[in-house]
Amino acid sequence: FIGCEGVVHYRLHEISPGSFLLDYITEGESDAKKSISVVVEKIEQLIQPPKKIEPQRVKFLLPEGSGKFVFNYPFTG
């Protein structure tokens, strides 16, 4: 997304019909509140959900079968 500096990755979940949660990771310790509001606004324009999308900053996203997010998963030593 253009204008969304600091947001590294995101995952949109439909937690119940019409209710979405946007998990996101920021670059370093940046807060990126302004950027994430732009991301939410752009996604809402695309999918037009009946309720506002709720953003939630997370430390990592679990890997998916496609391999997406695998490098963000914290490895145990």
PDB file of N, CA and C in Angstrom:
ATOM      1  N   PHE A   1       0.830  -1.183   0.000  1.00  0.00           N
ATOM      2  CA  PHE A   1       0.000   0.000   0.000  1.00  0.00           C
ATOM      3  C   PHE A   1       0.875   1.247   0.000  1.00  0.00           C
ATOM      4  N   ILE A   2       0.647   2.122  -0.937  1.00  0.00           N
ATOM      5  CA  ILE A   2       1.382   3.378  -0.998  1.00  0.00           C
ATOM      6  C   ILE A   2       0.930   4.261   0.171  1.00  0.00           C
ATOM      7  N   GLY A   3       1.872   4.886   0.832  1.00  0.00           N
ATOM      8  CA  GLY A   3       1.552   5.774   1.946  1.00  0.00           C
ATOM      9  C   GLY A   3       1.387   5.061   3.269  1.00  0.00           C
ATOM     10  N   CYS A   4       1.833   3.827   3.333  1.00  0.00           N
ATOM     11  CA  CYS A   4       1.661   3.033   4.561  1.00  0.00           C
ATOM     12  C   CYS A   4       3.009   2.575   5.105  1.00  0.00           C
ATOM     13  N   GLU A   5       3.948   3.493   5.166  1.00  0.00           N
ATOM     14  CA  GLU A   5       5.285   3.174   5.633  1.00  0.00           C
ATOM     15  C   GLU A   5       5.247   2.646   7.067  1.00  0.00           C
ATOM     16  N   GLY A   6       6.093   1.656   7.325  1.00  0.00           N
ATOM     17  CA  GLY A   6       6.186   1.084   8.657  1.00  0.00           C
ATOM     18  C   GLY A   6       5.379  -0.183   8.834  1.00  0.00           C
ATOM     19  N   VAL A   7       4.417  -0.450   7.951  1.00  0.00           N
ATOM     20  CA  VAL A   7       3.628  -1.681   8.021  1.00  0.00           C
ATOM     21  C   VAL A   7       4.337  -2.706   7.134  1.00  0.00           C
ATOM     22  N   VAL A   8       4.828  -3.779   7.763  1.00  0.00           N
ATOM     23  CA  VAL A   8       5.619  -4.765   7.039  1.00  0.00           C
ATOM     24  C   VAL A   8       4.743  -5.869   6.458  1.00  0.00           C
ATOM     25  N   HIS A   9       3.878  -6.445   7.271  1.00  0.00           N
ATOM     26  CA  HIS A   9       2.981  -7.523   6.842  1.00  0.00           C
ATOM     27  C   HIS A   9       1.638  -7.354   7.537  1.00  0.00           C
ATOM     28  N   TYR A  10       0.609  -7.939   6.931  1.00  0.00           N
ATOM     29  CA  TYR A  10      -0.702  -7.934   7.566  1.00  0.00           C
ATOM     30  C   TYR A  10      -1.461  -9.187   7.164  1.00  0.00           C
ATOM     31  N   ARG A  11      -2.457  -9.527   7.941  1.00  0.00           N
ATOM     32  CA  ARG A  11      -3.363 -10.643   7.632  1.00  0.00           C
ATOM     33  C   ARG A  11      -4.756 -10.218   8.047  1.00  0.00           C
ATOM     34  N   LEU A  12      -5.693 -10.320   7.130  1.00  0.00           N
ATOM     35  CA  LEU A  12      -7.080  -9.963   7.391  1.00  0.00           C
ATOM     36  C   LEU A  12      -7.865 -11.232   7.686  1.00  0.00           C
ATOM     37  N   HIS A  13      -8.549 -11.265   8.849  1.00  0.00           N
ATOM     38  CA  HIS A  13      -9.363 -12.414   9.263  1.00  0.00           C
ATOM     39  C   HIS A  13     -10.823 -11.988   9.303  1.00  0.00           C
ATOM     40  N   GLU A  14     -11.700 -12.805   8.768  1.00  0.00           N
ATOM     41  CA  GLU A  14     -13.131 -12.592   8.997  1.00  0.00           C
ATOM     42  C   GLU A  14     -13.478 -13.461  10.196  1.00  0.00           C
ATOM     43  N   ILE A  15     -13.647 -12.827  11.370  1.00  0.00           N
ATOM     44  CA  ILE A  15     -13.841 -13.572  12.609  1.00  0.00           C
ATOM     45  C   ILE A  15     -15.286 -14.028  12.795  1.00  0.00           C
ATOM     46  N   SER A  16     -16.204 -13.343  12.158  1.00  0.00           N
ATOM     47  CA  SER A  16     -17.605 -13.753  12.072  1.00  0.00           C
ATOM     48  C   SER A  16     -18.166 -13.030  10.847  1.00  0.00           C
ATOM     49  N   PRO A  17     -19.308 -13.438  10.332  1.00  0.00           N
ATOM     50  CA  PRO A  17     -19.814 -12.798   9.117  1.00  0.00           C
ATOM     51  C   PRO A  17     -19.858 -11.267   9.228  1.00  0.00           C
ATOM     52  N   GLY A  18     -19.073 -10.600   8.383  1.00  0.00           N
ATOM     53  CA  GLY A  18     -19.046  -9.145   8.356  1.00  0.00           C
ATOM     54  C   GLY A  18     -18.136  -8.474   9.367  1.00  0.00           C
ATOM     55  N   SER A  19     -17.491  -9.248  10.246  1.00  0.00           N
ATOM     56  CA  SER A  19     -16.573  -8.695  11.256  1.00  0.00           C
ATOM     57  C   SER A  19     -15.151  -9.132  10.933  1.00  0.00           C
ATOM     58  N   PHE A  20     -14.279  -8.134  10.745  1.00  0.00           N
ATOM     59  CA  PHE A  20     -12.907  -8.419  10.333  1.00  0.00           C
ATOM     60  C   PHE A  20     -11.908  -7.910  11.360  1.00  0.00           C
ATOM     61  N   LEU A  21     -10.822  -8.676  11.509  1.00  0.00           N
ATOM     62  CA  LEU A  21      -9.700  -8.313  12.359  1.00  0.00           C
ATOM     63  C   LEU A  21      -8.471  -8.251  11.458  1.00  0.00           C
ATOM     64  N   LEU A  22      -7.728  -7.165  11.535  1.00  0.00           N
ATOM     65  CA  LEU A  22      -6.514  -6.996  10.747  1.00  0.00           C
ATOM     66  C   LEU A  22      -5.316  -7.081  11.678  1.00  0.00           C
ATOM     67  N   ASP A  23      -4.624  -8.221  11.662  1.00  0.00           N
ATOM     68  CA  ASP A  23      -3.370  -8.359  12.405  1.00  0.00           C
ATOM     69  C   ASP A  23      -2.267  -7.774  11.539  1.00  0.00           C
ATOM     70  N   TYR A  24      -1.362  -7.019  12.138  1.00  0.00           N
ATOM     71  CA  TYR A  24      -0.288  -6.425  11.358  1.00  0.00           C
ATOM     72  C   TYR A  24       1.009  -6.370  12.150  1.00  0.00           C
ATOM     73  N   ILE A  25       2.106  -6.335  11.394  1.00  0.00           N
ATOM     74  CA  ILE A  25       3.453  -6.236  11.952  1.00  0.00           C
ATOM     75  C   ILE A  25       4.054  -4.933  11.446  1.00  0.00           C
ATOM     76  N   THR A  26       4.704  -4.208  12.347  1.00  0.00           N
ATOM     77  CA  THR A  26       5.361  -2.974  11.948  1.00  0.00           C
ATOM     78  C   THR A  26       6.864  -3.197  11.833  1.00  0.00           C
ATOM     79  N   GLU A  27       7.495  -2.282  11.139  1.00  0.00           N
ATOM     80  CA  GLU A  27       8.943  -2.320  10.985  1.00  0.00           C
ATOM     81  C   GLU A  27       9.581  -1.871  12.294  1.00  0.00           C
ATOM     82  N   GLY A  28      10.417  -2.722  12.870  1.00  0.00           N
ATOM     83  CA  GLY A  28      11.061  -2.398  14.141  1.00  0.00           C
ATOM     84  C   GLY A  28      10.033  -2.138  15.227  1.00  0.00           C
ATOM     85  N   GLU A  29      10.265  -1.119  16.004  1.00  0.00           N
ATOM     86  CA  GLU A  29       9.350  -0.770  17.089  1.00  0.00           C
ATOM     87  C   GLU A  29       8.416   0.373  16.714  1.00  0.00           C
ATOM     88  N   SER A  30       8.385   0.733  15.426  1.00  0.00           N
ATOM     89  CA  SER A  30       7.533   1.845  15.010  1.00  0.00           C
ATOM     90  C   SER A  30       6.065   1.543  15.298  1.00  0.00           C
ATOM     91  N   ASP A  31       5.321   2.555  15.618  1.00  0.00           N
ATOM     92  CA  ASP A  31       3.913   2.399  15.965  1.00  0.00           C
ATOM     93  C   ASP A  31       3.047   2.299  14.719  1.00  0.00           C
ATOM     94  N   ALA A  32       3.293   3.129  13.731  1.00  0.00           N
ATOM     95  CA  ALA A  32       2.620   3.111  12.431  1.00  0.00           C
ATOM     96  C   ALA A  32       1.102   3.296  12.517  1.00  0.00           C
ATOM     97  N   LYS A  33       0.600   4.003  13.538  1.00  0.00           N
ATOM     98  CA  LYS A  33      -0.846   4.190  13.673  1.00  0.00           C
ATOM     99  C   LYS A  33      -1.441   4.901  12.467  1.00  0.00           C
ATOM    100  N   LYS A  34      -0.768   5.939  11.983  1.00  0.00           N
ATOM    101  CA  LYS A  34      -1.277   6.659  10.817  1.00  0.00           C
ATOM    102  C   LYS A  34      -1.293   5.742   9.598  1.00  0.00           C
ATOM    103  N   SER A  35      -0.211   4.992   9.405  1.00  0.00           N
ATOM    104  CA  SER A  35      -0.133   4.090   8.262  1.00  0.00           C
ATOM    105  C   SER A  35      -1.182   3.000   8.324  1.00  0.00           C
ATOM    106  N   ILE A  36      -1.395   2.416   9.488  1.00  0.00           N
ATOM    107  CA  ILE A  36      -2.368   1.323   9.588  1.00  0.00           C
ATOM    108  C   ILE A  36      -3.783   1.851   9.364  1.00  0.00           C
ATOM    109  N   SER A  37      -4.049   3.092   9.735  1.00  0.00           N
ATOM    110  CA  SER A  37      -5.379   3.647   9.456  1.00  0.00           C
ATOM    111  C   SER A  37      -5.588   3.799   7.947  1.00  0.00           C
ATOM    112  N   VAL A  38      -4.514   4.089   7.208  1.00  0.00           N
ATOM    113  CA  VAL A  38      -4.593   4.165   5.748  1.00  0.00           C
ATOM    114  C   VAL A  38      -4.852   2.769   5.174  1.00  0.00           C
ATOM    115  N   VAL A  39      -4.154   1.753   5.691  1.00  0.00           N
ATOM    116  CA  VAL A  39      -4.358   0.376   5.251  1.00  0.00           C
ATOM    117  C   VAL A  39      -5.818  -0.022   5.469  1.00  0.00           C
ATOM    118  N   VAL A  40      -6.331   0.212   6.673  1.00  0.00           N
ATOM    119  CA  VAL A  40      -7.721  -0.142   6.998  1.00  0.00           C
ATOM    120  C   VAL A  40      -8.688   0.571   6.059  1.00  0.00           C
ATOM    121  N   GLU A  41      -8.461   1.852   5.845  1.00  0.00           N
ATOM    122  CA  GLU A  41      -9.341   2.621   4.966  1.00  0.00           C
ATOM    123  C   GLU A  41      -9.357   2.048   3.545  1.00  0.00           C
ATOM    124  N   LYS A  42      -8.190   1.696   3.023  1.00  0.00           N
ATOM    125  CA  LYS A  42      -8.102   1.156   1.669  1.00  0.00           C
ATOM    126  C   LYS A  42      -8.783  -0.205   1.567  1.00  0.00           C
ATOM    127  N   ILE A  43      -8.595  -1.061   2.562  1.00  0.00           N
ATOM    128  CA  ILE A  43      -9.247  -2.374   2.554  1.00  0.00           C
ATOM    129  C   ILE A  43     -10.759  -2.214   2.662  1.00  0.00           C
ATOM    130  N   GLU A  44     -11.208  -1.312   3.531  1.00  0.00           N
ATOM    131  CA  GLU A  44     -12.649  -1.083   3.677  1.00  0.00           C
ATOM    132  C   GLU A  44     -13.260  -0.575   2.372  1.00  0.00           C
ATOM    133  N   GLN A  45     -12.539   0.239   1.627  1.00  0.00           N
ATOM    134  CA  GLN A  45     -13.028   0.703   0.324  1.00  0.00           C
ATOM    135  C   GLN A  45     -13.185  -0.461  -0.645  1.00  0.00           C
ATOM    136  N   LEU A  46     -12.271  -1.428  -0.571  1.00  0.00           N
ATOM    137  CA  LEU A  46     -12.310  -2.574  -1.475  1.00  0.00           C
ATOM    138  C   LEU A  46     -13.425  -3.564  -1.134  1.00  0.00           C
ATOM    139  N   ILE A  47     -13.538  -3.936   0.153  1.00  0.00           N
ATOM    140  CA  ILE A  47     -14.479  -5.005   0.511  1.00  0.00           C
ATOM    141  C   ILE A  47     -15.791  -4.493   1.094  1.00  0.00           C
ATOM    142  N   GLN A  48     -15.839  -3.229   1.477  1.00  0.00           N
ATOM    143  CA  GLN A  48     -17.033  -2.590   2.030  1.00  0.00           C
ATOM    144  C   GLN A  48     -17.724  -3.443   3.105  1.00  0.00           C
ATOM    145  N   PRO A  49     -17.007  -3.701   4.201  1.00  0.00           N
ATOM    146  CA  PRO A  49     -17.594  -4.522   5.273  1.00  0.00           C
ATOM    147  C   PRO A  49     -18.697  -3.751   5.999  1.00  0.00           C
ATOM    148  N   PRO A  50     -19.677  -4.464   6.570  1.00  0.00           N
ATOM    149  CA  PRO A  50     -20.751  -3.789   7.297  1.00  0.00           C
ATOM    150  C   PRO A  50     -20.288  -3.149   8.616  1.00  0.00           C
ATOM    151  N   LYS A  51     -19.162  -3.629   9.148  1.00  0.00           N
ATOM    152  CA  LYS A  51     -18.598  -3.096  10.394  1.00  0.00           C
ATOM    153  C   LYS A  51     -17.177  -2.624  10.118  1.00  0.00           C
ATOM    154  N   LYS A  52     -16.678  -1.706  10.945  1.00  0.00           N
ATOM    155  CA  LYS A  52     -15.300  -1.226  10.822  1.00  0.00           C
ATOM    156  C   LYS A  52     -14.332  -2.385  11.068  1.00  0.00           C
ATOM    157  N   ILE A  53     -13.240  -2.391  10.321  1.00  0.00           N
ATOM    158  CA  ILE A  53     -12.190  -3.383  10.517  1.00  0.00           C
ATOM    159  C   ILE A  53     -11.393  -2.988  11.754  1.00  0.00           C
ATOM    160  N   GLU A  54     -11.161  -3.964  12.615  1.00  0.00           N
ATOM    161  CA  GLU A  54     -10.423  -3.718  13.858  1.00  0.00           C
ATOM    162  C   GLU A  54      -8.949  -4.079  13.663  1.00  0.00           C
ATOM    163  N   PRO A  55      -8.041  -3.100  13.715  1.00  0.00           N
ATOM    164  CA  PRO A  55      -6.617  -3.410  13.580  1.00  0.00           C
ATOM    165  C   PRO A  55      -6.009  -3.847  14.911  1.00  0.00           C
ATOM    166  N   GLN A  56      -5.053  -4.770  14.830  1.00  0.00           N
ATOM    167  CA  GLN A  56      -4.391  -5.273  16.043  1.00  0.00           C
ATOM    168  C   GLN A  56      -2.927  -5.536  15.714  1.00  0.00           C
ATOM    169  N   ARG A  57      -2.036  -4.801  16.367  1.00  0.00           N
ATOM    170  CA  ARG A  57      -0.599  -5.010  16.162  1.00  0.00           C
ATOM    171  C   ARG A  57      -0.174  -6.301  16.849  1.00  0.00           C
ATOM    172  N   VAL A  58       0.565  -7.130  16.117  1.00  0.00           N
ATOM    173  CA  VAL A  58       1.055  -8.399  16.655  1.00  0.00           C
ATOM    174  C   VAL A  58       2.567  -8.470  16.452  1.00  0.00           C
ATOM    175  N   LYS A  59       3.232  -9.348  17.207  1.00  0.00           N
ATOM    176  CA  LYS A  59       4.688  -9.490  17.085  1.00  0.00           C
ATOM    177  C   LYS A  59       5.067 -10.392  15.912  1.00  0.00           C
ATOM    178  N   PHE A  60       4.194 -11.348  15.570  1.00  0.00           N
ATOM    179  CA  PHE A  60       4.456 -12.248  14.466  1.00  0.00           C
ATOM    180  C   PHE A  60       3.143 -12.794  13.934  1.00  0.00           C
ATOM    181  N   LEU A  61       3.197 -13.330  12.723  1.00  0.00           N
ATOM    182  CA  LEU A  61       2.061 -14.006  12.114  1.00  0.00           C
ATOM    183  C   LEU A  61       2.461 -15.452  11.895  1.00  0.00           C
ATOM    184  N   LEU A  62       1.590 -16.371  12.233  1.00  0.00           N
ATOM    185  CA  LEU A  62       1.906 -17.787  12.060  1.00  0.00           C
ATOM    186  C   LEU A  62       1.997 -18.124  10.577  1.00  0.00           C
ATOM    187  N   PRO A  63       2.878 -19.044  10.220  1.00  0.00           N
ATOM    188  CA  PRO A  63       3.019 -19.415   8.816  1.00  0.00           C
ATOM    189  C   PRO A  63       1.768 -20.107   8.287  1.00  0.00           C
ATOM    190  N   GLU A  64       1.533 -19.955   6.997  1.00  0.00           N
ATOM    191  CA  GLU A  64       0.415 -20.616   6.330  1.00  0.00           C
ATOM    192  C   GLU A  64       0.969 -21.724   5.446  1.00  0.00           C
ATOM    193  N   GLY A  65       0.099 -22.582   4.959  1.00  0.00           N
ATOM    194  CA  GLY A  65       0.506 -23.672   4.087  1.00  0.00           C
ATOM    195  C   GLY A  65       1.248 -23.203   2.853  1.00  0.00           C
ATOM    196  N   SER A  66       0.940 -22.008   2.384  1.00  0.00           N
ATOM    197  CA  SER A  66       1.594 -21.457   1.196  1.00  0.00           C
ATOM    198  C   SER A  66       3.025 -21.021   1.474  1.00  0.00           C
ATOM    199  N   GLY A  67       3.388 -20.958   2.746  1.00  0.00           N
ATOM    200  CA  GLY A  67       4.713 -20.487   3.131  1.00  0.00           C
ATOM    201  C   GLY A  67       4.728 -19.021   3.521  1.00  0.00           C
ATOM    202  N   LYS A  68       3.623 -18.330   3.311  1.00  0.00           N
ATOM    203  CA  LYS A  68       3.561 -16.911   3.660  1.00  0.00           C
ATOM    204  C   LYS A  68       3.740 -16.753   5.171  1.00  0.00           C
ATOM    205  N   PHE A  69       4.491 -15.773   5.569  1.00  0.00           N
ATOM    206  CA  PHE A  69       4.770 -15.407   6.961  1.00  0.00           C
ATOM    207  C   PHE A  69       5.755 -16.330   7.657  1.00  0.00           C
ATOM    208  N   VAL A  70       6.313 -17.322   6.997  1.00  0.00           N
ATOM    209  CA  VAL A  70       7.204 -18.262   7.665  1.00  0.00           C
ATOM    210  C   VAL A  70       8.428 -17.557   8.256  1.00  0.00           C
ATOM    211  N   PHE A  71       8.912 -16.487   7.647  1.00  0.00           N
ATOM    212  CA  PHE A  71      10.100 -15.809   8.162  1.00  0.00           C
ATOM    213  C   PHE A  71       9.790 -14.912   9.349  1.00  0.00           C
ATOM    214  N   ASN A  72       8.527 -14.696   9.661  1.00  0.00           N
ATOM    215  CA  ASN A  72       8.153 -13.854  10.794  1.00  0.00           C
ATOM    216  C   ASN A  72       7.883 -14.669  12.052  1.00  0.00           C
ATOM    217  N   TYR A  73       7.868 -15.965  11.935  1.00  0.00           N
ATOM    218  CA  TYR A  73       7.578 -16.813  13.086  1.00  0.00           C
ATOM    219  C   TYR A  73       8.809 -16.917  13.962  1.00  0.00           C
ATOM    220  N   PRO A  74       8.655 -16.656  15.264  1.00  0.00           N
ATOM    221  CA  PRO A  74       9.837 -16.700  16.151  1.00  0.00           C
ATOM    222  C   PRO A  74      10.307 -18.148  16.362  1.00  0.00           C
ATOM    223  N   PHE A  75      11.557 -18.380  16.076  1.00  0.00           N
ATOM    224  CA  PHE A  75      12.108 -19.727  16.241  1.00  0.00           C
ATOM    225  C   PHE A  75      12.607 -19.893  17.683  1.00  0.00           C
ATOM    226  N   THR A  76      12.426 -21.099  18.198  1.00  0.00           N
ATOM    227  CA  THR A  76      12.935 -21.386  19.530  1.00  0.00           C
ATOM    228  C   THR A  76      14.303 -22.040  19.388  1.00  0.00           C
ATOM    229  N   GLY A  77      15.184 -21.754  20.303  1.00  0.00           N
ATOM    230  CA  GLY A  77      16.553 -22.248  20.172  1.00  0.00           C
ATOM    231  C   GLY A  77      16.787 -23.362  21.041  1.00  0.00           C
TER     232      GLY A  77
END
